[in-house]
């Protein structure tokens, strides 16, 4: 019979090995919004990278580049070629259009909540989104 100390040590090693094999995305600061669900959205793992440029639009219409408040007109000067936009589902549609207008010439991905049947039972889901074309 093994001692409790030996059992705990073996358990700890197994947990660490399992954690090393399944890399978790690094959590980063951001603005929380209640995103709409899109049935046709696909995984957008690039939105989870440290260097991803994320623009958030809150329910009250405030716009953030990362975690910094900004005006929609200033978004055109963002250096990233691809910008991920996450908008609260309660924000006026005109506010979203103003942000998209400011991002003309960039590749834009509208982030959404995961589709209902994606990753059932999963603890942490990747971002989902829809790529949109914003002409110049």
Protein backbone atom coordinates (compact mmCIF):
# COMPACT_ATOMS: atom_id res chain seq x y z
CA UNK A 1 0.00 0.00 0.00
CA UNK A 2 1.37 3.38 -1.01
CA UNK A 3 1.55 6.30 1.34
CA UNK A 4 -0.64 9.36 0.78
CA UNK A 5 2.49 11.40 0.03
CA UNK A 6 3.51 9.04 -2.80
CA UNK A 7 0.02 9.02 -4.30
CA UNK A 8 -0.13 12.85 -4.25
CA UNK A 9 3.33 13.11 -5.83
CA UNK A 10 2.38 10.75 -8.67
CA UNK A 11 -0.92 12.59 -9.18
CA UNK A 12 0.87 15.94 -9.37
CA UNK A 13 3.31 14.60 -11.99
CA UNK A 14 0.42 13.23 -14.09
CA UNK A 15 -1.49 16.51 -13.92
CA UNK A 16 1.61 18.50 -14.95
CA UNK A 17 2.28 16.13 -17.85
CA UNK A 18 -1.32 16.41 -19.06
CA UNK A 19 -1.19 20.21 -18.84
CA UNK A 20 2.03 20.30 -20.85
CA UNK A 21 0.48 18.21 -23.64
CA UNK A 22 -2.64 20.38 -24.07
CA UNK A 23 -1.50 23.97 -24.49
CA UNK A 24 -4.01 26.51 -23.21
CA UNK A 25 -4.27 29.93 -24.82
CA UNK A 26 -2.65 32.68 -22.81
CA UNK A 27 -5.25 34.91 -21.23
CA UNK A 28 -4.81 38.56 -22.05
CA UNK A 29 -6.50 41.77 -21.03
CA UNK A 30 -9.54 42.77 -23.02
CA UNK A 31 -12.94 44.37 -22.91
CA UNK A 32 -15.81 42.00 -22.21
CA UNK A 33 -18.83 42.14 -24.50
CA UNK A 34 -21.88 39.93 -25.05
CA UNK A 35 -21.34 38.81 -28.64
CA UNK A 36 -24.08 37.65 -30.97
CA UNK A 37 -24.16 34.01 -32.11
CA UNK A 38 -23.61 33.21 -35.79
CA UNK A 39 -24.42 29.71 -37.04
CA UNK A 40 -21.90 29.96 -39.88
CA UNK A 41 -18.96 31.26 -37.82
CA UNK A 42 -15.67 29.36 -37.94
CA UNK A 43 -12.79 29.08 -35.50
CA UNK A 44 -10.51 32.12 -35.50
CA UNK A 45 -7.57 31.02 -33.36
CA UNK A 46 -5.51 33.97 -34.65
CA UNK A 47 -7.67 36.26 -32.50
CA UNK A 48 -6.15 34.64 -29.39
CA UNK A 49 -2.54 35.40 -30.22
CA UNK A 50 -0.65 37.99 -28.20
CA UNK A 51 -0.10 40.25 -31.21
CA UNK A 52 -3.72 40.18 -32.46
CA UNK A 53 -5.38 43.59 -32.82
CA UNK A 54 -8.84 43.44 -31.26
CA UNK A 55 -11.36 46.28 -31.39
CA UNK A 56 -14.27 46.01 -28.95
CA UNK A 57 -17.58 47.85 -29.12
CA UNK A 58 -19.52 47.82 -25.84
CA UNK A 59 -23.31 47.89 -25.43
CA UNK A 60 -23.22 51.62 -24.70
CA UNK A 61 -21.35 52.31 -27.97
CA UNK A 62 -17.85 52.87 -26.55
CA UNK A 63 -15.01 51.71 -28.80
CA UNK A 64 -11.75 50.21 -27.55
CA UNK A 65 -8.56 49.32 -29.40
CA UNK A 66 -7.27 46.58 -27.12
CA UNK A 67 -8.14 47.98 -23.71
CA UNK A 68 -7.64 51.64 -24.61
CA UNK A 69 -10.74 53.76 -25.30
CA UNK A 70 -10.63 55.31 -28.76
CA UNK A 71 -12.74 57.09 -31.34
CA UNK A 72 -13.86 55.13 -34.41
CA UNK A 73 -12.10 57.60 -36.72
CA UNK A 74 -8.73 56.78 -35.14
CA UNK A 75 -8.97 53.08 -36.02
CA UNK A 76 -7.69 53.65 -39.56
CA UNK A 77 -4.23 54.29 -38.12
CA UNK A 78 -3.96 50.86 -36.50
CA UNK A 79 -0.80 49.18 -37.84
CA UNK A 80 -2.26 45.65 -38.11
CA UNK A 81 -3.31 44.28 -41.49
CA UNK A 82 -6.03 42.16 -39.86
CA UNK A 83 -8.31 43.58 -37.19
CA UNK A 84 -10.65 41.45 -35.08
CA UNK A 85 -13.84 43.30 -34.12
CA UNK A 86 -16.03 42.09 -31.28
CA UNK A 87 -19.28 43.98 -30.87
CA UNK A 88 -21.84 43.65 -28.13
CA UNK A 89 -25.10 42.27 -29.50
CA UNK A 90 -26.98 45.23 -27.98
CA UNK A 91 -24.92 47.99 -29.63
CA UNK A 92 -26.66 50.12 -32.27
CA UNK A 93 -25.91 48.81 -35.76
CA UNK A 94 -24.81 52.29 -36.88
CA UNK A 95 -21.94 52.18 -34.37
CA UNK A 96 -20.70 48.91 -35.88
CA UNK A 97 -20.93 50.44 -39.37
CA UNK A 98 -18.90 53.47 -38.21
CA UNK A 99 -16.16 51.16 -36.95
CA UNK A 100 -16.17 49.12 -40.17
CA UNK A 101 -16.01 52.34 -42.19
CA UNK A 102 -12.96 53.46 -40.20
CA UNK A 103 -11.27 50.11 -40.95
CA UNK A 104 -11.50 50.43 -44.75
CA UNK A 105 -8.58 48.79 -46.51
CA UNK A 106 -7.87 46.33 -43.68
CA UNK A 107 -8.82 42.70 -43.38
CA UNK A 108 -11.64 42.60 -40.81
CA UNK A 109 -12.96 39.61 -38.87
CA UNK A 110 -16.19 40.03 -36.91
CA UNK A 111 -15.90 37.85 -33.82
CA UNK A 112 -19.01 36.05 -32.60
CA UNK A 113 -20.02 33.80 -29.77
CA UNK A 114 -19.42 30.12 -30.60
CA UNK A 115 -22.23 28.35 -32.46
CA UNK A 116 -24.51 26.44 -30.04
CA UNK A 117 -23.19 22.95 -30.86
CA UNK A 118 -19.48 23.81 -30.97
CA UNK A 119 -17.30 22.20 -28.36
CA UNK A 120 -20.09 20.95 -26.15
CA UNK A 121 -18.60 20.26 -22.75
CA UNK A 122 -15.35 22.07 -23.52
CA UNK A 123 -14.02 24.34 -20.81
CA UNK A 124 -12.36 26.94 -23.02
CA UNK A 125 -13.44 27.48 -26.61
CA UNK A 126 -11.42 29.24 -29.30
CA UNK A 127 -12.75 32.49 -30.74
CA UNK A 128 -15.22 32.24 -33.62
CA UNK A 129 -15.82 34.77 -36.34
CA UNK A 130 -16.76 35.73 -39.87
CA UNK A 131 -14.35 37.44 -42.26
CA UNK A 132 -15.87 40.47 -43.96
CA UNK A 133 -14.75 42.56 -46.92
CA UNK A 134 -14.62 46.30 -46.35
CA UNK A 135 -13.90 47.96 -49.69
CA UNK A 136 -11.71 51.03 -49.92
